[in-house]
Amino acid sequence: MKTLVGSMDGKGPAEALYAVAELQKEVSRAEASLVRSARQAGLSWEAIALCLGVTKQAVHRKYGKQ
């Protein structure tokens, strides 16, 4: 994150916001992929939720239908 913020020096706020939005999309895709892998490896929703710092219900609601 510090690298991203440091790379924004000299850029306008719109460019910085665009970069943050792209980073959020990338993190979201990575999280979804890792949750799928974790489920295929046999991890429970509870274990996945613990790793992500959310409730079991939240992670199941977000990823349960994939």
Protein backbone atom coordinates (compact mmCIF):
# COMPACT_ATOMS: atom_id res chain seq x y z
CA MET A 1 0.00 0.00 0.00
CA LYS A 2 2.84 2.37 0.81
CA THR A 3 4.28 1.66 -2.64
CA LEU A 4 0.96 2.58 -4.25
CA VAL A 5 0.69 5.79 -2.25
CA GLY A 6 4.32 6.65 -3.00
CA SER A 7 3.78 6.08 -6.71
CA MET A 8 0.94 8.62 -6.65
CA ASP A 9 3.28 11.51 -5.81
CA GLY A 10 2.90 14.18 -8.45
CA LYS A 11 -0.33 12.74 -9.86
CA GLY A 12 -3.68 14.39 -9.51
CA PRO A 13 -6.39 13.15 -7.19
CA ALA A 14 -8.47 11.73 -10.06
CA GLU A 15 -5.55 9.57 -11.25
CA ALA A 16 -4.88 8.42 -7.70
CA LEU A 17 -8.54 7.48 -7.18
CA TYR A 18 -8.57 5.57 -10.45
CA ALA A 19 -5.50 3.61 -9.33
CA VAL A 20 -7.12 2.81 -5.98
CA ALA A 21 -10.31 1.63 -7.71
CA GLU A 22 -8.27 -0.67 -9.96
CA LEU A 23 -6.40 -2.02 -6.95
CA GLN A 24 -9.69 -2.73 -5.16
CA LYS A 25 -10.93 -4.69 -8.19
CA GLU A 26 -7.72 -6.70 -8.31
CA VAL A 27 -7.89 -7.51 -4.58
CA SER A 28 -11.55 -8.53 -4.94
CA ARG A 29 -10.71 -10.93 -7.78
CA ALA A 30 -7.81 -12.40 -5.81
CA GLU A 31 -9.99 -12.85 -2.73
CA ALA A 32 -12.71 -14.64 -4.72
CA SER A 33 -10.16 -16.95 -6.28
CA LEU A 34 -8.56 -17.74 -2.94
CA VAL A 35 -11.93 -18.43 -1.32
CA ARG A 36 -12.74 -20.89 -4.14
CA SER A 37 -9.38 -22.58 -3.65
CA ALA A 38 -9.89 -22.74 0.10
CA ARG A 39 -13.31 -24.35 -0.30
CA GLN A 40 -11.94 -26.87 -2.79
CA ALA A 41 -9.18 -27.67 -0.29
CA GLY A 42 -11.84 -28.43 2.31
CA LEU A 43 -11.74 -25.32 4.49
CA SER A 44 -15.00 -24.50 6.21
CA TRP A 45 -16.82 -21.21 5.81
CA GLU A 46 -15.94 -20.54 9.43
CA ALA A 47 -12.21 -21.01 8.80
CA ILE A 48 -12.31 -18.80 5.72
CA ALA A 49 -14.25 -16.12 7.61
CA LEU A 50 -11.67 -16.19 10.40
CA CYS A 51 -8.87 -15.63 7.87
CA LEU A 52 -10.74 -12.71 6.30
CA GLY A 53 -11.79 -11.16 9.60
CA VAL A 54 -15.51 -11.37 8.88
CA THR A 55 -18.40 -13.50 10.06
CA LYS A 56 -19.13 -16.93 8.64
CA GLN A 57 -22.48 -15.61 7.42
CA ALA A 58 -20.86 -12.68 5.61
CA VAL A 59 -18.37 -14.82 3.72
CA HIS A 60 -20.99 -17.42 2.83
CA ARG A 61 -23.40 -14.74 1.64
CA LYS A 62 -20.70 -13.19 -0.55
CA TYR A 63 -19.16 -16.37 -1.96
CA GLY A 64 -21.57 -19.22 -1.25
CA LYS A 65 -23.16 -19.31 -4.71
CA GLN A 66 -19.97 -19.39 -6.76
